[in-house]
Amino acid sequence: MVSAPRLVIAAPASGSGKTTVATGLMAAFAARGLAVSPHKVGPDYIDPGYHALATGRPGRNLDAYMCGTELIAPLFAHGSAGCDLAVVEGVMGLYDGASGQGELASTAQVAKLLRAPVVLVVDASSQSRSVAALVHGFASWDTGVRIGGVILNKVASDRHEALLRDALDESGLPVLGVIRRAPQVATPSRHLGLVPVAERGAEAVEAVRAMGERVRAGCDLDALMALARTAPALPDEPWSPAYAPARGARPVVAVAGGAAFTFAYAEHAELLTAAGAEVVAFDPLRDEKLPAGTAGIVIGGGFPEVYAPELSANRPLRHAVTELALSGAPVAAECAGLLYLARELDGKPMCGVLDAEARMSERLTLGYRQAVAVSDSVLAVAGTRMRGHEFHRTVLEPGAGATPAWGMHQPERRVEGYVERGVHASYLHTHWAASPEVAGRFVAHCRAR
């Protein structure tokens, strides 16, 4: 049974302050000594980093498109086990989901799957009485979504607050918090959203602390906790990374991290470990050698374009990665990892494992994808169907090798990525919790080395 008290933090639209409020709530409740489980709806990698900083626990994603609706409650139960409270930050507007697919992957759908009350964060900076119409519309649009209260964000003054409260008195929904405009809790952004925690260091710690203080001062934490406790138990077993690994030595799988490679789902390392691997992190910006005994490498997403000169300057590590990859060792690279394996990125030499060049682009590539494995690889057998997500402002030329990694079926038909020797490299981000055999196959290939 899933019994953790829980809240879903949603908004009418992006830019309303969901991340500030959700992260602030996590920090404020954690400061009270509660064990807080942080979650994020959708494929976002950056917000969970702030959540982890606020709670001291891994930020976890709940993505109904990539993982399927049937895994949302089990993944939630896995992440929230033993916690006093779970806070789930939504994505975009409350009812926004996968393009053209109704409520799929929306915050509203996840809230219904978790039977969790929703707290609506409203940017009140340019309205007064109209706030009541807006809140009424969101609360009545889908009766399966239970909006339990409102947090008013970016409120200008005491008079502004009074006008908003008077208007909402008729809505029947309580005002659970009022947060004034506060530039000091803003977090810097760039071409793919917020700057990740790993790049900001002490500045990120201070930002999260400030978010927590603002939320603590402006919100009724007792009322929010009482609302969270109204969520009923769910009859779902927690998801488990349990896998039946082959007997024998535990192969070392080196997983890229550090400021340039911050995009990773917590479940991936758990699945690799469960499949029998010894997972060891390394930082391509700082480490000049791969971890001792490395049998395979996983390089996830991130911002190599920001650190191209530094990555290029670390020649010893680039040569070590190249040597291992060319020997036929298993290498799984997603997005940033794909760029790192290319011959060059924005004119800076990279590993040269792939005969391709990457560069920054003005065009944002963003969206969910349906894909099928074109050929056998260290991750999947030919014909395997997976769902994933693309999110980048770079271009790789050519975009596919002689043996592509994936055939895409949405939004257009194309082939993409590279399968060469033991390398599987692609722009596509996938969530292995939906296909745990991916981790098992990868570790099996590492063990066979």
Protein backbone atom coordinates (compact mmCIF):
# COMPACT_ATOMS: atom_id res chain seq x y z
CA MET A 1 0.00 0.00 0.00
CA VAL A 2 1.12 3.55 -0.81
CA SER A 3 0.28 5.63 2.22
CA ALA A 4 2.68 8.59 2.22
CA PRO A 5 0.98 11.97 2.71
CA ARG A 6 1.38 13.82 -0.58
CA LEU A 7 0.80 17.06 -2.44
CA VAL A 8 0.98 17.88 -6.14
CA ILE A 9 2.15 21.43 -6.83
CA ALA A 10 0.64 22.66 -10.10
CA ALA A 11 -0.02 25.93 -11.91
CA PRO A 12 -2.17 27.33 -14.71
CA ALA A 13 0.92 27.78 -16.90
CA SER A 14 4.71 27.60 -16.98
CA GLY A 15 6.40 30.56 -15.34
CA SER A 16 3.94 30.78 -12.45
CA GLY A 17 6.51 29.79 -9.84
CA LYS A 18 5.97 26.03 -9.43
CA THR A 19 9.65 25.23 -9.00
CA THR A 20 10.18 28.00 -6.45
CA VAL A 21 7.14 26.98 -4.41
CA ALA A 22 7.67 23.22 -4.69
CA THR A 23 11.37 23.43 -3.82
CA GLY A 24 10.62 25.92 -1.06
CA LEU A 25 7.99 23.60 0.44
CA MET A 26 10.43 20.69 0.34
CA ALA A 27 13.09 22.78 2.08
CA ALA A 28 10.66 24.19 4.65
CA PHE A 29 9.26 20.80 5.64
CA ALA A 30 12.74 19.25 5.68
CA ALA A 31 13.84 22.04 8.04
CA ARG A 32 11.08 20.87 10.38
CA GLY A 33 12.82 17.52 10.57
CA LEU A 34 10.49 15.67 8.19
CA ALA A 35 11.74 13.12 5.66
CA VAL A 36 10.50 14.64 2.40
CA SER A 37 10.32 12.66 -0.84
CA PRO A 38 10.78 14.88 -3.95
CA HIS A 39 9.19 14.12 -7.30
CA LYS A 40 8.81 15.85 -10.68
CA VAL A 41 6.17 15.19 -13.33
CA GLY A 42 7.64 14.72 -16.80
CA PRO A 43 11.12 14.22 -18.22
CA ASP A 44 12.85 17.26 -16.64
CA TYR A 45 16.31 16.56 -15.18
CA ILE A 46 17.14 20.00 -13.76
CA ASP A 47 14.35 20.66 -11.24
CA PRO A 48 14.99 17.33 -9.45
CA GLY A 49 18.54 18.55 -8.72
CA TYR A 50 17.10 21.47 -6.74
CA HIS A 51 14.64 19.09 -5.07
CA ALA A 52 17.49 16.82 -4.00
CA LEU A 53 19.37 19.78 -2.54
CA ALA A 54 16.27 20.79 -0.57
CA THR A 55 15.53 17.33 0.84
CA GLY A 56 18.76 15.34 0.87
CA ARG A 57 17.04 12.60 -1.15
CA PRO A 58 17.22 11.78 -4.89
CA GLY A 59 14.80 13.77 -7.01
CA ARG A 60 12.66 11.32 -8.96
CA ASN A 61 10.59 11.73 -12.13
CA LEU A 62 7.06 10.52 -12.74
CA ASP A 63 6.61 10.37 -16.51
CA ALA A 64 3.45 8.66 -17.71
CA TYR A 65 4.52 8.82 -21.36
CA MET A 66 7.93 7.20 -21.05
CA CYS A 67 7.11 4.81 -18.19
CA GLY A 68 3.41 4.17 -18.75
CA THR A 69 0.53 5.08 -16.46
CA GLU A 70 0.75 1.73 -14.69
CA LEU A 71 4.21 2.54 -13.28
CA ILE A 72 3.43 5.99 -11.83
CA ALA A 73 2.11 4.83 -8.45
CA PRO A 74 4.73 2.05 -8.08
CA LEU A 75 7.59 4.46 -8.90
CA PHE A 76 6.11 6.97 -6.48
CA ALA A 77 5.87 4.29 -3.79
CA HIS A 78 9.50 3.30 -4.39
CA GLY A 79 10.72 6.86 -3.99
CA SER A 80 8.51 7.83 -1.04
CA ALA A 81 9.04 4.70 1.06
CA GLY A 82 9.63 5.62 4.69
CA CYS A 83 8.99 9.34 4.15
CA ASP A 84 6.76 11.65 6.17
CA LEU A 85 5.64 13.66 3.15
CA ALA A 86 5.97 13.59 -0.63
CA VAL A 87 5.90 16.75 -2.74
CA VAL A 88 5.31 16.34 -6.49
CA GLU A 89 6.12 19.30 -8.73
CA GLY A 90 4.03 19.44 -11.88
CA VAL A 91 4.99 20.22 -15.46
CA MET A 92 3.81 23.18 -17.56
CA GLY A 93 0.14 23.99 -16.90
CA LEU A 94 -1.98 21.59 -14.84
CA TYR A 95 -3.75 20.06 -17.84
CA ASP A 96 -0.87 20.19 -20.34
CA GLY A 97 0.63 16.86 -21.42
CA ALA A 98 2.02 15.00 -24.42
CA SER A 99 1.14 16.98 -27.53
CA GLY A 100 -2.07 15.83 -29.18
CA GLN A 101 -2.63 12.96 -26.71
CA GLY A 102 -5.17 14.36 -24.32
CA GLU A 103 -4.24 14.25 -20.66
CA LEU A 104 -1.37 11.76 -21.14
CA ALA A 105 1.71 12.75 -19.10
CA SER A 106 0.00 15.83 -17.67
CA THR A 107 0.19 16.91 -14.04
CA ALA A 108 -3.55 16.34 -13.82
CA GLN A 109 -3.21 12.73 -14.92
CA VAL A 110 -0.40 12.03 -12.44
CA ALA A 111 -2.42 13.65 -9.64
CA LYS A 112 -5.35 11.37 -10.44
CA LEU A 113 -3.13 8.28 -10.62
CA LEU A 114 -1.73 9.17 -7.18
CA ARG A 115 -5.13 10.30 -5.86
CA ALA A 116 -3.25 13.30 -4.50
CA PRO A 117 -4.64 16.74 -3.67
CA VAL A 118 -3.39 19.55 -5.90
CA VAL A 119 -2.18 22.94 -4.71
CA LEU A 120 -2.52 25.51 -7.49
CA VAL A 121 0.26 28.12 -7.65
CA VAL A 122 -1.11 31.26 -9.28
CA ASP A 123 1.00 34.12 -10.61
CA ALA A 124 -1.12 36.96 -9.24
CA SER A 125 1.16 39.77 -10.41
CA SER A 126 -1.23 41.19 -13.01
CA GLN A 127 -4.69 40.45 -11.63
CA SER A 128 -7.01 40.90 -8.69
CA ARG A 129 -10.67 39.79 -8.87
CA SER A 130 -10.04 37.76 -12.05
CA VAL A 131 -8.08 35.29 -9.96
CA ALA A 132 -11.38 33.79 -8.75
CA ALA A 133 -12.53 33.03 -12.31
CA LEU A 134 -9.19 31.49 -13.16
CA VAL A 135 -9.16 29.25 -10.08
CA HIS A 136 -12.81 28.27 -10.54
CA GLY A 137 -12.12 27.26 -14.13
CA PHE A 138 -9.17 25.04 -13.21
CA ALA A 139 -11.01 23.48 -10.26
CA SER A 140 -14.11 22.62 -12.30
CA TRP A 141 -12.50 21.56 -15.61
CA ASP A 142 -11.91 17.94 -14.54
CA THR A 143 -13.84 16.71 -11.51
CA GLY A 144 -11.35 13.86 -11.12
CA VAL A 145 -8.69 16.39 -10.14
CA ARG A 146 -9.01 17.57 -6.54
CA ILE A 147 -7.64 21.07 -6.07
CA GLY A 148 -7.30 21.50 -2.33
CA GLY A 149 -6.08 25.08 -2.15
CA VAL A 150 -4.23 27.96 -3.73
CA ILE A 151 -0.85 29.58 -3.19
CA LEU A 152 -0.73 33.13 -4.51
CA ASN A 153 2.69 33.99 -5.92
CA LYS A 154 4.29 37.33 -6.87
CA VAL A 155 1.87 39.34 -4.75
CA ALA A 156 2.80 43.02 -4.75
CA SER A 157 1.47 44.45 -1.47
CA ASP A 158 -0.87 44.05 1.49
CA ARG A 159 -3.67 45.74 -0.49
CA HIS A 160 -3.08 43.42 -3.47
CA GLU A 161 -3.25 40.44 -1.13
CA ALA A 162 -6.53 41.66 0.40
CA LEU A 163 -8.11 42.05 -3.05
CA LEU A 164 -7.05 38.55 -4.05
CA ARG A 165 -8.30 36.97 -0.82
CA ASP A 166 -11.65 38.76 -1.10
CA ALA A 167 -12.10 37.45 -4.63
CA LEU A 168 -11.20 33.90 -3.66
CA ASP A 169 -13.53 33.82 -0.68
CA GLU A 170 -16.35 32.98 -3.10
CA SER A 171 -14.44 30.14 -4.78
CA GLY A 172 -14.63 27.78 -1.82
CA LEU A 173 -10.90 27.04 -2.05
CA PRO A 174 -8.64 28.11 0.80
CA VAL A 175 -5.63 30.35 0.28
CA LEU A 176 -2.80 28.24 1.71
CA GLY A 177 -0.04 30.73 1.10
CA VAL A 178 0.84 34.19 -0.15
CA ILE A 179 4.34 34.82 -1.46
CA ARG A 180 5.60 38.28 -2.26
CA ARG A 181 7.84 39.14 -5.19
CA ALA A 182 11.38 38.06 -4.29
CA PRO A 183 14.13 38.45 -6.89
CA GLN A 184 16.65 36.85 -4.55
CA VAL A 185 15.02 33.42 -4.94
CA ALA A 186 15.11 33.53 -8.72
CA THR A 187 17.34 30.94 -10.36
CA PRO A 188 19.30 31.73 -13.53
CA SER A 189 18.29 30.18 -16.83
CA ARG A 190 19.89 29.59 -20.22
CA HIS A 191 19.12 27.78 -23.48
CA LEU A 192 17.58 24.62 -21.93
CA GLY A 193 16.05 26.04 -18.75
CA LEU A 194 17.44 26.51 -15.25
CA VAL A 195 21.17 26.25 -14.64
CA PRO A 196 21.70 22.88 -12.88
CA VAL A 197 22.60 22.68 -9.21
CA ALA A 198 25.95 21.03 -9.94
CA GLU A 199 27.10 24.14 -11.81
CA ARG A 200 26.11 26.67 -9.14
CA GLY A 201 27.59 25.19 -5.95
CA ALA A 202 27.15 27.44 -2.93
CA GLU A 203 24.94 29.77 -4.96
CA ALA A 204 22.41 26.97 -5.45
CA VAL A 205 22.48 26.13 -1.74
CA GLU A 206 21.71 29.75 -0.92
CA ALA A 207 18.91 29.88 -3.52
CA VAL A 208 17.22 26.79 -2.06
CA ARG A 209 17.61 28.17 1.46
CA ALA A 210 15.98 31.43 0.35
CA MET A 211 13.12 29.52 -1.32
CA GLY A 212 12.53 27.61 1.90
CA GLU A 213 12.49 30.79 3.99
CA ARG A 214 10.08 32.55 1.65
CA VAL A 215 7.69 29.61 1.60
CA ARG A 216 7.91 29.08 5.36
CA ALA A 217 7.11 32.76 5.95
CA GLY A 218 4.29 32.94 3.42
CA CYS A 219 2.56 29.55 3.59
CA ASP A 220 0.49 27.75 6.18
CA LEU A 221 2.64 24.64 6.51
CA ASP A 222 0.27 23.04 9.03
CA ALA A 223 -2.70 23.41 6.68
CA LEU A 224 -0.64 22.06 3.77
CA MET A 225 0.41 19.04 5.80
CA ALA A 226 -3.19 18.45 6.84
CA LEU A 227 -4.21 18.54 3.17
CA ALA A 228 -1.43 16.09 2.27
CA ARG A 229 -2.75 13.67 4.87
CA THR A 230 -6.14 13.53 3.15
CA ALA A 231 -4.63 11.52 0.29
CA PRO A 232 -5.95 7.95 0.58
CA ALA A 233 -3.80 4.83 0.55
CA LEU A 234 -3.13 3.34 -2.88
CA PRO A 235 -3.18 -0.44 -3.43
CA ASP A 236 0.09 -0.49 -5.35
CA GLU A 237 3.30 -2.39 -4.73
CA PRO A 238 6.46 -0.27 -4.91
CA TRP A 239 8.51 -0.53 -8.07
CA SER A 240 11.72 -2.46 -7.51
CA PRO A 241 14.96 -2.54 -9.50
CA ALA A 242 15.34 -6.20 -8.48
CA TYR A 243 16.90 -8.26 -11.23
CA ALA A 244 18.34 -11.77 -11.41
CA PRO A 245 21.97 -11.09 -12.41
CA ALA A 246 24.26 -13.79 -13.72
CA ARG A 247 26.67 -15.12 -11.16
CA GLY A 248 30.25 -14.01 -11.21
CA ALA A 249 32.28 -10.87 -10.77
CA ARG A 250 30.58 -7.50 -10.60
CA PRO A 251 31.75 -5.53 -13.66
CA VAL A 252 32.59 -1.88 -13.09
CA VAL A 253 30.25 0.45 -14.97
CA ALA A 254 31.61 4.00 -15.07
CA VAL A 255 28.81 6.60 -15.08
CA ALA A 256 29.65 10.14 -16.17
CA GLY A 257 28.77 12.94 -13.78
CA GLY A 258 30.02 16.37 -12.76
CA ALA A 259 28.86 19.74 -14.02
CA ALA A 260 28.87 18.77 -17.73
CA PHE A 261 26.79 15.59 -17.34
CA THR A 262 24.02 16.25 -14.82
CA PHE A 263 21.08 14.54 -16.55
CA ALA A 264 20.37 11.12 -15.06
CA TYR A 265 17.40 9.27 -13.64
CA ALA A 266 18.09 7.77 -10.21
CA GLU A 267 16.53 4.47 -11.25
CA HIS A 268 19.21 3.85 -13.89
CA ALA A 269 22.02 3.45 -11.37
CA GLU A 270 19.72 1.35 -9.19
CA LEU A 271 18.93 -0.95 -12.11
CA LEU A 272 22.60 -1.31 -13.07
CA THR A 273 23.47 -2.20 -9.48
CA ALA A 274 20.60 -4.68 -9.25
CA ALA A 275 21.76 -6.29 -12.50
CA GLY A 276 25.11 -7.00 -10.90
CA ALA A 277 27.27 -4.00 -11.77
CA GLU A 278 29.50 -1.96 -9.52
CA VAL A 279 28.49 1.58 -10.45
CA VAL A 280 31.30 4.12 -10.12
CA ALA A 281 30.93 7.81 -10.98
CA PHE A 282 33.55 9.79 -12.88
CA ASP A 283 33.79 13.44 -13.94
CA PRO A 284 34.98 14.06 -17.51
CA LEU A 285 35.90 17.61 -16.53
CA ARG A 286 38.26 16.61 -13.72
CA ASP A 287 39.25 12.94 -13.85
CA GLU A 288 42.12 12.01 -16.14
CA LYS A 289 41.46 8.28 -15.89
CA LEU A 290 38.43 6.03 -15.96
CA PRO A 291 37.67 4.16 -12.73
CA ALA A 292 39.91 1.14 -12.21
CA GLY A 293 38.63 -1.95 -13.98
CA THR A 294 36.01 -0.14 -16.06
CA ALA A 295 34.17 -2.65 -18.25
CA GLY A 296 31.50 -0.31 -19.62
CA ILE A 297 30.60 3.37 -19.69
CA VAL A 298 27.29 5.22 -19.38
CA ILE A 299 27.32 8.88 -20.42
CA GLY A 300 24.00 10.62 -19.95
CA GLY A 301 22.76 14.08 -20.78
CA GLY A 302 23.90 17.51 -19.70
CA PHE A 303 25.66 20.55 -21.10
CA PRO A 304 28.88 19.58 -22.85
CA GLU A 305 28.40 22.57 -25.16
CA VAL A 306 28.95 24.86 -22.15
CA TYR A 307 32.13 23.03 -21.17
CA ALA A 308 33.49 22.09 -24.59
CA PRO A 309 36.90 23.76 -24.05
CA GLU A 310 37.40 22.08 -20.68
CA LEU A 311 36.25 18.67 -21.92
CA SER A 312 38.53 18.97 -24.91
CA ALA A 313 41.47 20.01 -22.73
CA ASN A 314 41.18 16.78 -20.69
CA ARG A 315 43.04 14.75 -23.31
CA PRO A 316 44.00 11.84 -21.04
CA LEU A 317 40.38 11.01 -20.27
CA ARG A 318 39.23 11.50 -23.86
CA HIS A 319 41.90 9.07 -25.00
CA ALA A 320 40.91 6.55 -22.28
CA VAL A 321 37.25 6.70 -23.35
CA THR A 322 38.21 6.34 -27.00
CA GLU A 323 40.51 3.41 -26.35
CA LEU A 324 37.87 1.54 -24.34
CA ALA A 325 35.12 2.25 -26.89
CA LEU A 326 37.26 1.15 -29.84
CA SER A 327 38.08 -2.08 -28.00
CA GLY A 328 34.41 -3.03 -28.23
CA ALA A 329 33.48 -2.31 -24.61
CA PRO A 330 29.80 -1.44 -23.97
CA VAL A 331 29.20 2.32 -24.08
CA ALA A 332 25.72 3.85 -23.71
CA ALA A 333 25.56 7.55 -24.55
CA GLU A 334 22.50 9.81 -24.49
CA CYS A 335 22.40 13.33 -25.94
CA ALA A 336 25.36 15.00 -24.18
CA GLY A 337 27.14 11.65 -24.25
CA LEU A 338 26.54 11.46 -28.00
CA LEU A 339 28.23 14.84 -28.44
CA TYR A 340 31.16 13.85 -26.23
CA LEU A 341 31.80 10.78 -28.39
CA ALA A 342 31.76 12.83 -31.61
CA ARG A 343 34.88 13.98 -33.43
CA GLU A 344 34.36 17.57 -32.33
CA LEU A 345 31.87 19.92 -30.66
CA ASP A 346 31.76 23.55 -31.77
CA GLY A 347 35.22 23.10 -33.25
CA LYS A 348 36.72 21.61 -30.08
CA PRO A 349 38.12 18.06 -30.32
CA MET A 350 36.09 15.45 -28.44
CA CYS A 351 36.63 11.69 -28.18
CA GLY A 352 36.38 10.92 -31.88
CA VAL A 353 34.66 7.58 -31.33
CA LEU A 354 31.99 8.64 -33.84
CA ASP A 355 32.80 10.14 -37.22
CA ALA A 356 30.52 13.12 -36.72
CA GLU A 357 30.67 16.80 -35.81
CA ALA A 358 28.38 18.62 -33.41
CA ARG A 359 27.55 22.30 -33.09
CA MET A 360 25.16 24.60 -31.31
CA SER A 361 21.98 25.53 -33.18
CA GLU A 362 19.31 28.22 -32.94
CA ARG A 363 16.63 25.53 -33.20
CA LEU A 364 15.27 23.82 -30.10
CA THR A 365 14.47 20.13 -30.58
CA LEU A 366 11.96 19.16 -27.93
CA GLY A 367 9.33 16.49 -27.47
CA TYR A 368 8.35 12.93 -26.76
CA ARG A 369 9.29 10.26 -29.26
CA GLN A 370 8.26 6.74 -30.23
CA ALA A 371 11.26 4.71 -31.31
CA VAL A 372 12.21 1.22 -32.43
CA ALA A 373 15.70 -0.28 -32.22
CA VAL A 374 17.08 -0.61 -35.75
CA SER A 375 19.65 -3.27 -34.91
CA ASP A 376 21.00 -5.33 -32.05
CA SER A 377 23.06 -3.32 -29.55
CA VAL A 378 24.31 -3.43 -25.98
CA LEU A 379 20.97 -1.91 -24.93
CA ALA A 380 18.32 -3.64 -27.01
CA VAL A 381 17.64 -6.24 -29.67
CA ALA A 382 16.42 -5.11 -33.07
CA GLY A 383 12.71 -4.39 -33.08
CA THR A 384 12.54 -3.31 -29.42
CA ARG A 385 10.07 -0.47 -29.05
CA MET A 386 10.71 2.28 -26.53
CA ARG A 387 9.40 5.71 -25.73
CA GLY A 388 11.75 8.57 -25.08
CA HIS A 389 12.29 12.31 -25.09
CA GLU A 390 14.51 14.72 -27.03
CA PHE A 391 15.67 18.06 -25.61
CA HIS A 392 18.62 19.87 -27.19
CA ARG A 393 19.84 22.90 -29.13
CA THR A 394 22.65 21.13 -30.91
CA VAL A 395 22.97 19.46 -34.29
CA LEU A 396 25.05 16.40 -35.11
CA GLU A 397 26.19 15.84 -38.69
CA PRO A 398 25.60 13.20 -39.87
CA GLY A 399 22.73 12.53 -37.50
CA ALA A 400 22.88 8.77 -38.01
CA GLY A 401 25.61 6.25 -38.69
CA ALA A 402 25.69 3.36 -41.12
CA THR A 403 23.87 1.40 -38.44
CA PRO A 404 21.48 3.83 -36.70
CA ALA A 405 20.39 3.40 -33.11
CA TRP A 406 16.69 4.18 -33.50
CA GLY A 407 13.98 4.49 -36.07
CA MET A 408 11.66 7.29 -34.97
CA HIS A 409 7.92 7.14 -35.53
CA GLN A 410 6.82 10.38 -33.89
CA PRO A 411 6.51 13.18 -34.82
CA GLU A 412 8.17 12.21 -38.14
CA ARG A 413 9.77 9.09 -39.56
CA ARG A 414 13.57 9.13 -39.53
CA VAL A 415 16.58 7.19 -38.30
CA GLU A 416 18.90 8.56 -35.65
CA GLY A 417 21.99 7.75 -33.62
CA TYR A 418 24.86 5.28 -33.90
CA VAL A 419 25.47 1.62 -33.13
CA GLU A 420 29.14 0.80 -33.66
CA ARG A 421 31.09 -2.00 -31.97
CA GLY A 422 29.80 -1.83 -28.36
CA VAL A 423 28.64 1.78 -28.65
CA HIS A 424 25.01 2.85 -28.54
CA ALA A 425 24.81 6.64 -28.94
CA SER A 426 21.70 8.72 -29.54
CA TYR A 427 19.97 12.01 -28.77
CA LEU A 428 17.05 10.04 -27.31
CA HIS A 429 16.62 10.08 -23.53
CA THR A 430 14.90 6.94 -22.23
CA HIS A 431 13.71 5.86 -18.80
CA TRP A 432 14.96 2.36 -18.05
CA ALA A 433 12.39 1.72 -15.33
CA ALA A 434 9.94 1.06 -18.15
CA SER A 435 12.32 -1.51 -19.69
CA PRO A 436 14.57 -2.91 -16.94
CA GLU A 437 15.95 -5.50 -19.36
CA VAL A 438 17.99 -2.66 -20.89
CA ALA A 439 20.17 -2.45 -17.78
CA GLY A 440 20.39 -6.24 -17.54
CA ARG A 441 21.50 -6.52 -21.16
CA PHE A 442 24.10 -3.79 -20.75
CA VAL A 443 25.61 -5.38 -17.63
CA ALA A 444 25.62 -8.80 -19.29
CA HIS A 445 27.70 -7.35 -22.12
CA CYS A 446 30.05 -5.78 -19.57
CA ARG A 447 30.41 -9.10 -17.77
CA ALA A 448 31.23 -10.86 -21.04
CA ARG A 449 34.24 -8.62 -21.61
